PDB file of N, CA and C in Angstrom:
ATOM      1  N   MET A   1     -31.230   3.793  27.578  1.00  0.00           N
ATOM      2  CA  MET A   1     -31.125   4.481  26.314  1.00  0.00           C
ATOM      3  C   MET A   1     -31.187   5.988  26.551  1.00  0.00           C
ATOM      4  N   THR A   2     -30.297   6.759  25.947  1.00  0.00           N
ATOM      5  CA  THR A   2     -30.338   8.212  26.086  1.00  0.00           C
ATOM      6  C   THR A   2     -31.300   8.794  25.067  1.00  0.00           C
ATOM      7  N   ILE A   3     -31.642  10.061  25.262  1.00  0.00           N
ATOM      8  CA  ILE A   3     -32.562  10.718  24.329  1.00  0.00           C
ATOM      9  C   ILE A   3     -32.009  10.676  22.911  1.00  0.00           C
ATOM     10  N   SER A   4     -30.696  10.883  22.760  1.00  0.00           N
ATOM     11  CA  SER A   4     -30.121  10.918  21.422  1.00  0.00           C
ATOM     12  C   SER A   4     -30.196   9.566  20.721  1.00  0.00           C
ATOM     13  N   GLU A   5     -30.374   8.487  21.479  1.00  0.00           N
ATOM     14  CA  GLU A   5     -30.442   7.165  20.879  1.00  0.00           C
ATOM     15  C   GLU A   5     -31.874   6.726  20.585  1.00  0.00           C
ATOM     16  N   GLU A   6     -32.842   7.411  21.154  1.00  0.00           N
ATOM     17  CA  GLU A   6     -34.228   7.007  20.980  1.00  0.00           C
ATOM     18  C   GLU A   6     -34.717   7.319  19.580  1.00  0.00           C
ATOM     19  N   LYS A   7     -35.510   6.415  19.048  1.00  0.00           N
ATOM     20  CA  LYS A   7     -36.123   6.626  17.740  1.00  0.00           C
ATOM     21  C   LYS A   7     -37.610   6.390  17.897  1.00  0.00           C
ATOM     22  N   MET A   8     -38.397   7.270  17.329  1.00  0.00           N
ATOM     23  CA  MET A   8     -39.843   7.141  17.388  1.00  0.00           C
ATOM     24  C   MET A   8     -40.410   7.443  16.016  1.00  0.00           C
ATOM     25  N   VAL A   9     -41.460   6.780  15.681  1.00  0.00           N
ATOM     26  CA  VAL A   9     -42.150   7.035  14.424  1.00  0.00           C
ATOM     27  C   VAL A   9     -43.339   7.933  14.741  1.00  0.00           C
ATOM     28  N   LEU A  10     -43.388   9.079  14.089  1.00  0.00           N
ATOM     29  CA  LEU A  10     -44.480  10.028  14.261  1.00  0.00           C
ATOM     30  C   LEU A  10     -45.132  10.271  12.911  1.00  0.00           C
ATOM     31  N   LYS A  11     -46.353  10.734  12.942  1.00  0.00           N
ATOM     32  CA  LYS A  11     -47.027  11.108  11.706  1.00  0.00           C
ATOM     33  C   LYS A  11     -47.124  12.619  11.643  1.00  0.00           C
ATOM     34  N   VAL A  12     -47.033  13.142  10.443  1.00  0.00           N
ATOM     35  CA  VAL A  12     -47.218  14.571  10.230  1.00  0.00           C
ATOM     36  C   VAL A  12     -48.719  14.821  10.177  1.00  0.00           C
ATOM     37  N   GLY A  13     -49.179  15.827  10.933  1.00  0.00           N
ATOM     38  CA  GLY A  13     -50.606  16.140  10.981  1.00  0.00           C
ATOM     39  C   GLY A  13     -51.127  16.668   9.655  1.00  0.00           C
ATOM     40  N   SER A  14     -52.422  16.819   9.564  1.00  0.00           N
ATOM     41  CA  SER A  14     -53.067  17.248   8.315  1.00  0.00           C
ATOM     42  C   SER A  14     -52.623  18.646   7.881  1.00  0.00           C
ATOM     43  N   LYS A  15     -52.157  19.456   8.820  1.00  0.00           N
ATOM     44  CA  LYS A  15     -51.686  20.809   8.493  1.00  0.00           C
ATOM     45  C   LYS A  15     -50.160  20.898   8.530  1.00  0.00           C
ATOM     46  N   GLY A  16     -49.491  19.742   8.551  1.00  0.00           N
ATOM     47  CA  GLY A  16     -48.029  19.712   8.540  1.00  0.00           C
ATOM     48  C   GLY A  16     -47.398  19.779   9.918  1.00  0.00           C
ATOM     49  N   GLU A  17     -48.202  19.658  10.966  1.00  0.00           N
ATOM     50  CA  GLU A  17     -47.656  19.752  12.318  1.00  0.00           C
ATOM     51  C   GLU A  17     -46.931  18.469  12.717  1.00  0.00           C
ATOM     52  N   ILE A  18     -45.936  18.658  13.578  1.00  0.00           N
ATOM     53  CA  ILE A  18     -45.227  17.526  14.171  1.00  0.00           C
ATOM     54  C   ILE A  18     -45.332  17.707  15.680  1.00  0.00           C
ATOM     55  N   PHE A  19     -45.866  16.699  16.356  1.00  0.00           N
ATOM     56  CA  PHE A  19     -46.053  16.778  17.800  1.00  0.00           C
ATOM     57  C   PHE A  19     -45.208  15.713  18.491  1.00  0.00           C
ATOM     58  N   PRO A  20     -44.152  16.130  19.197  1.00  0.00           N
ATOM     59  CA  PRO A  20     -43.366  15.133  19.933  1.00  0.00           C
ATOM     60  C   PRO A  20     -44.195  14.583  21.096  1.00  0.00           C
ATOM     61  N   PRO A  21     -44.054  13.302  21.397  1.00  0.00           N
ATOM     62  CA  PRO A  21     -44.790  12.707  22.512  1.00  0.00           C
ATOM     63  C   PRO A  21     -44.452  13.385  23.843  1.00  0.00           C
ATOM     64  N   LYS A  22     -45.347  13.265  24.787  1.00  0.00           N
ATOM     65  CA  LYS A  22     -45.195  13.883  26.105  1.00  0.00           C
ATOM     66  C   LYS A  22     -43.868  13.496  26.756  1.00  0.00           C
ATOM     67  N   GLU A  23     -43.485  12.226  26.652  1.00  0.00           N
ATOM     68  CA  GLU A  23     -42.239  11.741  27.249  1.00  0.00           C
ATOM     69  C   GLU A  23     -41.033  12.541  26.744  1.00  0.00           C
ATOM     70  N   ILE A  24     -40.984  12.795  25.456  1.00  0.00           N
ATOM     71  CA  ILE A  24     -39.874  13.559  24.866  1.00  0.00           C
ATOM     72  C   ILE A  24     -39.945  15.019  25.298  1.00  0.00           C
ATOM     73  N   ARG A  25     -41.138  15.613  25.266  1.00  0.00           N
ATOM     74  CA  ARG A  25     -41.291  17.009  25.697  1.00  0.00           C
ATOM     75  C   ARG A  25     -40.824  17.184  27.134  1.00  0.00           C
ATOM     76  N   GLU A  26     -41.172  16.226  27.992  1.00  0.00           N
ATOM     77  CA  GLU A  26     -40.762  16.317  29.395  1.00  0.00           C
ATOM     78  C   GLU A  26     -39.248  16.160  29.547  1.00  0.00           C
ATOM     79  N   LYS A  27     -38.643  15.211  28.839  1.00  0.00           N
ATOM     80  CA  LYS A  27     -37.194  15.000  28.930  1.00  0.00           C
ATOM     81  C   LYS A  27     -36.414  16.223  28.455  1.00  0.00           C
ATOM     82  N   LEU A  28     -36.933  16.896  27.433  1.00  0.00           N
ATOM     83  CA  LEU A  28     -36.243  18.069  26.890  1.00  0.00           C
ATOM     84  C   LEU A  28     -36.663  19.366  27.569  1.00  0.00           C
ATOM     85  N   GLY A  29     -37.678  19.298  28.414  1.00  0.00           N
ATOM     86  CA  GLY A  29     -38.154  20.510  29.093  1.00  0.00           C
ATOM     87  C   GLY A  29     -38.884  21.451  28.159  1.00  0.00           C
ATOM     88  N   LEU A  30     -39.543  20.908  27.142  1.00  0.00           N
ATOM     89  CA  LEU A  30     -40.278  21.751  26.192  1.00  0.00           C
ATOM     90  C   LEU A  30     -41.623  22.137  26.778  1.00  0.00           C
ATOM     91  N   LYS A  31     -41.921  23.412  26.732  1.00  0.00           N
ATOM     92  CA  LYS A  31     -43.174  23.958  27.243  1.00  0.00           C
ATOM     93  C   LYS A  31     -44.003  24.483  26.072  1.00  0.00           C
ATOM     94  N   PRO A  32     -45.302  24.712  26.279  1.00  0.00           N
ATOM     95  CA  PRO A  32     -46.103  25.323  25.212  1.00  0.00           C
ATOM     96  C   PRO A  32     -45.484  26.657  24.776  1.00  0.00           C
ATOM     97  N   ASN A  33     -45.466  26.888  23.498  1.00  0.00           N
ATOM     98  CA  ASN A  33     -44.891  28.096  22.875  1.00  0.00           C
ATOM     99  C   ASN A  33     -43.379  28.201  23.036  1.00  0.00           C
ATOM    100  N   GLN A  34     -42.725  27.112  23.395  1.00  0.00           N
ATOM    101  CA  GLN A  34     -41.262  27.071  23.524  1.00  0.00           C
ATOM    102  C   GLN A  34     -40.633  27.267  22.150  1.00  0.00           C
ATOM    103  N   PRO A  35     -39.727  28.225  22.007  1.00  0.00           N
ATOM    104  CA  PRO A  35     -39.034  28.354  20.725  1.00  0.00           C
ATOM    105  C   PRO A  35     -38.117  27.155  20.495  1.00  0.00           C
ATOM    106  N   ILE A  36     -38.068  26.674  19.279  1.00  0.00           N
ATOM    107  CA  ILE A  36     -37.181  25.579  18.897  1.00  0.00           C
ATOM    108  C   ILE A  36     -36.464  25.972  17.613  1.00  0.00           C
ATOM    109  N   VAL A  37     -35.398  25.272  17.317  1.00  0.00           N
ATOM    110  CA  VAL A  37     -34.639  25.480  16.091  1.00  0.00           C
ATOM    111  C   VAL A  37     -34.749  24.204  15.268  1.00  0.00           C
ATOM    112  N   MET A  38     -35.105  24.347  14.003  1.00  0.00           N
ATOM    113  CA  MET A  38     -35.187  23.192  13.105  1.00  0.00           C
ATOM    114  C   MET A  38     -34.117  23.356  12.038  1.00  0.00           C
ATOM    115  N   THR A  39     -33.337  22.300  11.842  1.00  0.00           N
ATOM    116  CA  THR A  39     -32.252  22.308  10.867  1.00  0.00           C
ATOM    117  C   THR A  39     -32.436  21.120   9.936  1.00  0.00           C
ATOM    118  N   ILE A  40     -32.217  21.337   8.663  1.00  0.00           N
ATOM    119  CA  ILE A  40     -32.246  20.242   7.695  1.00  0.00           C
ATOM    120  C   ILE A  40     -30.800  19.873   7.390  1.00  0.00           C
ATOM    121  N   HIS A  41     -30.470  18.605   7.592  1.00  0.00           N
ATOM    122  CA  HIS A  41     -29.143  18.087   7.278  1.00  0.00           C
ATOM    123  C   HIS A  41     -29.334  16.861   6.400  1.00  0.00           C
ATOM    124  N   GLN A  42     -29.011  17.009   5.131  1.00  0.00           N
ATOM    125  CA  GLN A  42     -29.247  15.975   4.124  1.00  0.00           C
ATOM    126  C   GLN A  42     -30.719  15.576   4.169  1.00  0.00           C
ATOM    127  N   ASP A  43     -31.026  14.352   4.546  1.00  0.00           N
ATOM    128  CA  ASP A  43     -32.441  13.939   4.572  1.00  0.00           C
ATOM    129  C   ASP A  43     -32.988  13.893   6.002  1.00  0.00           C
ATOM    130  N   LYS A  44     -32.329  14.620   6.916  1.00  0.00           N
ATOM    131  CA  LYS A  44     -32.736  14.596   8.321  1.00  0.00           C
ATOM    132  C   LYS A  44     -33.271  15.952   8.749  1.00  0.00           C
ATOM    133  N   LEU A  45     -34.278  15.919   9.600  1.00  0.00           N
ATOM    134  CA  LEU A  45     -34.797  17.117  10.236  1.00  0.00           C
ATOM    135  C   LEU A  45     -34.354  17.061  11.690  1.00  0.00           C
ATOM    136  N   ILE A  46     -33.571  18.040  12.112  1.00  0.00           N
ATOM    137  CA  ILE A  46     -33.054  18.081  13.473  1.00  0.00           C
ATOM    138  C   ILE A  46     -33.785  19.197  14.206  1.00  0.00           C
ATOM    139  N   ILE A  47     -34.380  18.835  15.338  1.00  0.00           N
ATOM    140  CA  ILE A  47     -35.135  19.800  16.138  1.00  0.00           C
ATOM    141  C   ILE A  47     -34.434  19.947  17.475  1.00  0.00           C
ATOM    142  N   ARG A  48     -34.129  21.201  17.852  1.00  0.00           N
ATOM    143  CA  ARG A  48     -33.427  21.451  19.103  1.00  0.00           C
ATOM    144  C   ARG A  48     -34.154  22.524  19.899  1.00  0.00           C
ATOM    145  N   LYS A  49     -34.063  22.397  21.188  1.00  0.00           N
ATOM    146  CA  LYS A  49     -34.623  23.407  22.077  1.00  0.00           C
ATOM    147  C   LYS A  49     -33.778  24.675  21.961  1.00  0.00           C
ATOM    148  N   LEU A  50     -34.423  25.809  21.926  1.00  0.00           N
ATOM    149  CA  LEU A  50     -33.725  27.089  21.922  1.00  0.00           C
ATOM    150  C   LEU A  50     -33.743  27.610  23.352  1.00  0.00           C
ATOM    151  N   TYR A  51     -32.596  27.734  23.959  1.00  0.00           N
ATOM    152  CA  TYR A  51     -32.502  28.128  25.356  1.00  0.00           C
ATOM    153  C   TYR A  51     -32.588  29.637  25.507  1.00  0.00           C
ATOM    154  N   SER A  52     -33.235  30.072  26.583  1.00  0.00           N
ATOM    155  CA  SER A  52     -33.311  31.502  26.886  1.00  0.00           C
ATOM    156  C   SER A  52     -31.980  31.942  27.488  1.00  0.00           C
ATOM    157  N   LEU A  53     -31.752  33.230  27.502  1.00  0.00           N
ATOM    158  CA  LEU A  53     -30.524  33.767  28.085  1.00  0.00           C
ATOM    159  C   LEU A  53     -30.447  33.409  29.565  1.00  0.00           C
ATOM    160  N   ASP A  54     -31.576  33.450  30.268  1.00  0.00           N
ATOM    161  CA  ASP A  54     -31.591  33.072  31.688  1.00  0.00           C
ATOM    162  C   ASP A  54     -31.143  31.625  31.876  1.00  0.00           C
ATOM    163  N   GLU A  55     -31.632  30.712  31.029  1.00  0.00           N
ATOM    164  CA  GLU A  55     -31.239  29.310  31.134  1.00  0.00           C
ATOM    165  C   GLU A  55     -29.746  29.142  30.872  1.00  0.00           C
ATOM    166  N   ILE A  56     -29.232  29.875  29.900  1.00  0.00           N
ATOM    167  CA  ILE A  56     -27.806  29.786  29.562  1.00  0.00           C
ATOM    168  C   ILE A  56     -26.953  30.300  30.717  1.00  0.00           C
ATOM    169  N   LEU A  57     -27.349  31.442  31.299  1.00  0.00           N
ATOM    170  CA  LEU A  57     -26.564  32.026  32.385  1.00  0.00           C
ATOM    171  C   LEU A  57     -26.623  31.195  33.660  1.00  0.00           C
ATOM    172  N   LYS A  58     -27.684  30.418  33.844  1.00  0.00           N
ATOM    173  CA  LYS A  58     -27.802  29.570  35.029  1.00  0.00           C
ATOM    174  C   LYS A  58     -27.001  28.273  34.894  1.00  0.00           C
ATOM    175  N   THR A  59     -26.576  27.953  33.681  1.00  0.00           N
ATOM    176  CA  THR A  59     -25.818  26.726  33.444  1.00  0.00           C
ATOM    177  C   THR A  59     -24.380  26.928  33.911  1.00  0.00           C
ATOM    178  N   PRO A  60     -23.893  26.048  34.779  1.00  0.00           N
ATOM    179  CA  PRO A  60     -22.511  26.199  35.241  1.00  0.00           C
ATOM    180  C   PRO A  60     -21.529  26.031  34.084  1.00  0.00           C
ATOM    181  N   PRO A  61     -20.424  26.751  34.114  1.00  0.00           N
ATOM    182  CA  PRO A  61     -19.440  26.603  33.031  1.00  0.00           C
ATOM    183  C   PRO A  61     -18.858  25.199  33.015  1.00  0.00           C
ATOM    184  N   LYS A  62     -18.469  24.745  31.834  1.00  0.00           N
ATOM    185  CA  LYS A  62     -17.899  23.407  31.695  1.00  0.00           C
ATOM    186  C   LYS A  62     -16.432  23.379  32.090  1.00  0.00           C
ATOM    187  N   VAL A  63     -15.809  24.546  32.085  1.00  0.00           N
ATOM    188  CA  VAL A  63     -14.392  24.632  32.426  1.00  0.00           C
ATOM    189  C   VAL A  63     -14.233  25.674  33.520  1.00  0.00           C
ATOM    190  N   LYS A  64     -13.491  25.333  34.525  1.00  0.00           N
ATOM    191  CA  LYS A  64     -13.204  26.289  35.591  1.00  0.00           C
ATOM    192  C   LYS A  64     -11.776  26.759  35.436  1.00  0.00           C
ATOM    193  N   ILE A  65     -11.593  28.069  35.573  1.00  0.00           N
ATOM    194  CA  ILE A  65     -10.261  28.639  35.460  1.00  0.00           C
ATOM    195  C   ILE A  65     -10.152  29.755  36.498  1.00  0.00           C
ATOM    196  N   SER A  66      -9.015  29.843  37.134  1.00  0.00           N
ATOM    197  CA  SER A  66      -8.828  30.878  38.144  1.00  0.00           C
ATOM    198  C   SER A  66      -8.638  32.228  37.458  1.00  0.00           C
ATOM    199  N   TYR A  67      -8.873  33.263  38.215  1.00  0.00           N
ATOM    200  CA  TYR A  67      -8.675  34.613  37.692  1.00  0.00           C
ATOM    201  C   TYR A  67      -7.230  34.801  37.227  1.00  0.00           C
ATOM    202  N   HIS A  68      -6.285  34.317  38.014  1.00  0.00           N
ATOM    203  CA  HIS A  68      -4.864  34.505  37.682  1.00  0.00           C
ATOM    204  C   HIS A  68      -4.494  33.752  36.403  1.00  0.00           C
ATOM    205  N   ALA A  69      -5.022  32.545  36.242  1.00  0.00           N
ATOM    206  CA  ALA A  69      -4.759  31.786  35.019  1.00  0.00           C
ATOM    207  C   ALA A  69      -5.382  32.484  33.821  1.00  0.00           C
ATOM    208  N   TRP A  70      -6.609  33.007  33.979  1.00  0.00           N
ATOM    209  CA  TRP A  70      -7.272  33.740  32.896  1.00  0.00           C
ATOM    210  C   TRP A  70      -6.481  34.988  32.526  1.00  0.00           C
ATOM    211  N   LYS A  71      -6.024  35.740  33.539  1.00  0.00           N
ATOM    212  CA  LYS A  71      -5.251  36.955  33.282  1.00  0.00           C
ATOM    213  C   LYS A  71      -3.959  36.617  32.539  1.00  0.00           C
ATOM    214  N   GLN A  72      -3.283  35.559  32.949  1.00  0.00           N
ATOM    215  CA  GLN A  72      -2.046  35.147  32.271  1.00  0.00           C
ATOM    216  C   GLN A  72      -2.333  34.773  30.820  1.00  0.00           C
ATOM    217  N   PHE A  73      -3.399  34.030  30.603  1.00  0.00           N
ATOM    218  CA  PHE A  73      -3.796  33.633  29.250  1.00  0.00           C
ATOM    219  C   PHE A  73      -4.084  34.873  28.399  1.00  0.00           C
ATOM    220  N   LYS A  74      -4.838  35.797  28.954  1.00  0.00           N
ATOM    221  CA  LYS A  74      -5.182  37.044  28.245  1.00  0.00           C
ATOM    222  C   LYS A  74      -3.917  37.838  27.923  1.00  0.00           C
ATOM    223  N   ASP A  75      -3.016  37.965  28.897  1.00  0.00           N
ATOM    224  CA  ASP A  75      -1.760  38.693  28.672  1.00  0.00           C
ATOM    225  C   ASP A  75      -0.929  38.021  27.580  1.00  0.00           C
ATOM    226  N   ASP A  76      -0.871  36.695  27.599  1.00  0.00           N
ATOM    227  CA  ASP A  76      -0.138  35.964  26.565  1.00  0.00           C
ATOM    228  C   ASP A  76      -0.738  36.198  25.191  1.00  0.00           C
ATOM    229  N   LEU A  77      -2.061  36.211  25.111  1.00  0.00           N
ATOM    230  CA  LEU A  77      -2.725  36.479  23.825  1.00  0.00           C
ATOM    231  C   LEU A  77      -2.424  37.882  23.339  1.00  0.00           C
ATOM    232  N   ASN A  78      -2.501  38.854  24.239  1.00  0.00           N
ATOM    233  CA  ASN A  78      -2.206  40.243  23.861  1.00  0.00           C
ATOM    234  C   ASN A  78      -0.772  40.381  23.373  1.00  0.00           C
ATOM    235  N   GLU A  79       0.138  39.722  24.077  1.00  0.00           N
ATOM    236  CA  GLU A  79       1.544  39.773  23.706  1.00  0.00           C
ATOM    237  C   GLU A  79       1.756  39.149  22.310  1.00  0.00           C
ATOM    238  N   GLU A  80       1.111  38.033  22.075  1.00  0.00           N
ATOM    239  CA  GLU A  80       1.215  37.349  20.771  1.00  0.00           C
ATOM    240  C   GLU A  80       0.620  38.218  19.662  1.00  0.00           C
ATOM    241  N   TYR A  81      -0.504  38.862  19.959  1.00  0.00           N
ATOM    242  CA  TYR A  81      -1.197  39.710  18.980  1.00  0.00           C
ATOM    243  C   TYR A  81      -0.352  40.934  18.590  1.00  0.00           C
ATOM    244  N   GLU A  82       0.377  41.463  19.550  1.00  0.00           N
ATOM    245  CA  GLU A  82       1.164  42.678  19.307  1.00  0.00           C
ATOM    246  C   GLU A  82       2.419  42.416  18.500  1.00  0.00           C
ATOM    247  N   LYS A  83       2.830  41.165  18.341  1.00  0.00           N
ATOM    248  CA  LYS A  83       4.056  40.842  17.577  1.00  0.00           C
ATOM    249  C   LYS A  83       3.898  41.132  16.121  1.00  0.00           C
TER     250      LYS A  83
END
């Protein structure tokens, strides 16, 4: 089962806190004082890890493109824009 498929029942604390279990915190790499983003979508609360700029820059790109292909693409866009 992937993280996105897991379902857990949690209780809201007396002060409104929500504490994800250790297993989930470890899988998501959540640390104490880790910034997160909470989104309300209809009747759902979606909680996501907020990545630091360092974490984002260390992530390999999903698409690889050569310099020459990028330059050609950029030139084509500029040419299209100038029309």
